[in-house]
Structures are given as structure tokens and as C-alpha cells.
């Protein structure tokens, strides 16, 4: 099994830049929040305690960094009742890819959106 990476490393002319998975997660969370129809990101109960054990377990956004520094991002969201689940999830995928790639310069290979709840306005 491959080693778990917590940073994306980009070699530059004068050294290297390391981008934390927490930074990528924050970028993705802001992108998700800006999508029309999304109520928010679903976090698992006990997420604060889970952070002590495993950083990705309960936050609602999981970042996987491949050996080539490409990213797979999983998002657990809730949407407003009456919104198209497929259209909203597609908008989330596009927003996350656009935000992460434009801010980090790192290729996002996939964004998996799990619609975990529906909320009435």
C-alpha cells in the first residue's frame, strides 16, 4: 500500500512549495459553499475527536494525494429540497475543480460528491 501523503510538493526554480491537504480542503469547502442549492458540508458526529486520530475522518471533505501529486476529492454535502441532485452535484464538482486547480496549480483527477441530506428552506 502506498504511503499516505499530507502535502503536495511542487518543485520551483528557487526551492519547493508544499501545500497542505488542509489548505486544499479549505479551498474545496469554500467552493462548495458558493454553489447555489447547497446547504453545507456534512460532518460526521464526533469529528473533533476523530481529528486526533485521523485528519480526514469526520470533516466532510476528504483529500487523497496521488504519487504524481494529482488529487481526488470526496465531498459530503446536503442540498435544499427541490434542487436537482444531479445538477447540484455537477455544479459542486465543477466549482471544486476550478477553485483547487486555479489556486494551487495541481490537477484534480476526480471530485466525488455524496449527497447525504436534503433540507427544507
Protein backbone atom coordinates (compact mmCIF):
# COMPACT_ATOMS: atom_id res chain seq x y z
CA UNK A 1 0.00 0.00 0.00
CA UNK A 2 1.26 3.47 -0.90
CA UNK A 3 2.39 5.86 1.78
CA UNK A 4 -0.18 8.43 2.85
CA UNK A 5 0.80 11.96 1.81
CA UNK A 6 -0.31 15.08 3.67
CA UNK A 7 1.40 17.65 1.44
CA UNK A 8 1.61 18.38 -2.26
CA UNK A 9 5.17 19.27 -3.18
CA UNK A 10 5.86 21.45 -6.20
CA UNK A 11 9.45 21.99 -7.21
CA UNK A 12 10.23 25.59 -8.16
CA UNK A 13 13.33 27.28 -9.53
CA UNK A 14 14.42 28.58 -6.11
CA UNK A 15 13.22 25.69 -3.94
CA UNK A 16 9.97 23.88 -3.36
CA UNK A 17 6.43 24.76 -2.34
CA UNK A 18 4.49 22.44 -0.05
CA UNK A 19 0.70 22.73 0.05
CA UNK A 20 -1.07 21.07 2.97
CA UNK A 21 -4.13 18.90 2.38
CA UNK A 22 -5.85 21.19 4.91
CA UNK A 23 -5.33 24.11 2.52
CA UNK A 24 -6.84 22.12 -0.36
CA UNK A 25 -9.73 21.08 1.90
CA UNK A 26 -10.42 24.71 2.84
CA UNK A 27 -10.37 25.79 -0.82
CA UNK A 28 -12.79 22.98 -1.69
CA UNK A 29 -15.08 23.86 1.24
CA UNK A 30 -15.33 27.49 0.14
CA UNK A 31 -16.06 26.39 -3.44
CA UNK A 32 -18.83 24.06 -2.24
CA UNK A 33 -20.37 26.81 -0.10
CA UNK A 34 -20.63 29.10 -3.13
CA UNK A 35 -22.73 26.63 -5.17
CA UNK A 36 -26.41 27.52 -5.38
CA UNK A 37 -28.63 24.89 -3.78
CA UNK A 38 -26.02 23.56 -1.36
CA UNK A 39 -26.93 23.84 2.32
CA UNK A 40 -23.47 22.86 3.51
CA UNK A 41 -20.90 20.19 4.09
CA UNK A 42 -21.95 17.25 6.23
CA UNK A 43 -19.56 16.38 9.03
CA UNK A 44 -19.76 13.15 10.96
CA UNK A 45 -20.63 13.16 14.66
CA UNK A 46 -17.50 13.21 16.78
CA UNK A 47 -15.44 14.93 14.08
CA UNK A 48 -13.45 16.91 16.67
CA UNK A 49 -12.39 13.74 18.45
CA UNK A 50 -11.73 11.99 15.14
CA UNK A 51 -9.27 14.75 14.21
CA UNK A 52 -7.00 13.48 16.96
CA UNK A 53 -6.88 10.03 15.34
CA UNK A 54 -7.15 10.65 11.59
CA UNK A 55 -7.34 14.08 9.98
CA UNK A 56 -9.73 13.12 7.18
CA UNK A 57 -12.30 11.07 9.05
CA UNK A 58 -15.05 13.46 10.02
CA UNK A 59 -14.64 16.77 8.18
CA UNK A 60 -16.94 16.14 5.23
CA UNK A 61 -14.17 16.69 2.69
CA UNK A 62 -11.50 14.08 2.11
CA UNK A 63 -8.38 14.76 0.06
CA UNK A 64 -6.32 11.96 -1.45
CA UNK A 65 -2.94 12.93 -2.90
CA UNK A 66 -1.53 10.53 -5.50
CA UNK A 67 2.18 9.92 -6.04
CA UNK A 68 2.11 12.29 -9.04
CA UNK A 69 0.55 14.98 -6.77
CA UNK A 70 -2.82 14.78 -8.54
CA UNK A 71 -5.87 14.96 -6.28
CA UNK A 72 -9.05 13.01 -5.65
CA UNK A 73 -11.54 14.92 -3.54
CA UNK A 74 -14.59 13.47 -1.77
CA UNK A 75 -17.30 15.87 -0.56
CA UNK A 76 -20.28 15.03 1.67
CA UNK A 77 -22.98 17.67 1.22
CA UNK A 78 -26.61 18.44 1.92
CA UNK A 79 -28.81 20.31 -0.52
CA UNK A 80 -32.05 22.27 -0.35
CA UNK A 81 -35.28 20.40 -1.02
CA UNK A 82 -36.47 20.93 -4.60
CA UNK A 83 -32.99 21.24 -6.09
CA UNK A 84 -31.89 18.77 -8.75
CA UNK A 85 -29.49 16.40 -7.00
CA UNK A 86 -27.60 15.62 -10.22
CA UNK A 87 -27.33 19.25 -11.36
CA UNK A 88 -26.26 20.48 -7.92
CA UNK A 89 -23.66 17.72 -7.57
CA UNK A 90 -22.33 18.53 -11.05
CA UNK A 91 -22.06 22.21 -10.13
CA UNK A 92 -20.16 21.23 -6.95
CA UNK A 93 -17.74 19.12 -9.00
CA UNK A 94 -17.08 21.94 -11.45
CA UNK A 95 -16.67 24.55 -8.71
CA UNK A 96 -14.24 22.41 -6.70
CA UNK A 97 -12.10 21.52 -9.73
CA UNK A 98 -11.98 25.14 -10.87
CA UNK A 99 -11.13 26.56 -7.44
CA UNK A 100 -8.50 23.97 -6.47
CA UNK A 101 -6.75 23.90 -9.84
CA UNK A 102 -6.69 27.69 -10.21
CA UNK A 103 -5.42 28.34 -6.67
CA UNK A 104 -2.89 25.50 -6.38
CA UNK A 105 -1.94 24.63 -9.94
CA UNK A 106 -2.50 20.96 -9.06
CA UNK A 107 -4.51 18.58 -11.29
CA UNK A 108 -7.76 17.33 -9.79
CA UNK A 109 -8.48 13.89 -11.28
CA UNK A 110 -11.91 13.44 -9.69
CA UNK A 111 -14.40 15.01 -7.32
CA UNK A 112 -16.79 12.52 -5.74
CA UNK A 113 -19.91 14.20 -4.38
CA UNK A 114 -22.00 12.33 -1.84
CA UNK A 115 -25.39 13.97 -1.28
CA UNK A 116 -26.08 12.90 2.30
CA UNK A 117 -29.11 15.01 3.14
CA UNK A 118 -31.90 17.27 1.95
CA UNK A 119 -33.07 20.28 3.96
CA UNK A 120 -36.25 22.32 3.59
CA UNK A 121 -35.80 26.09 3.30
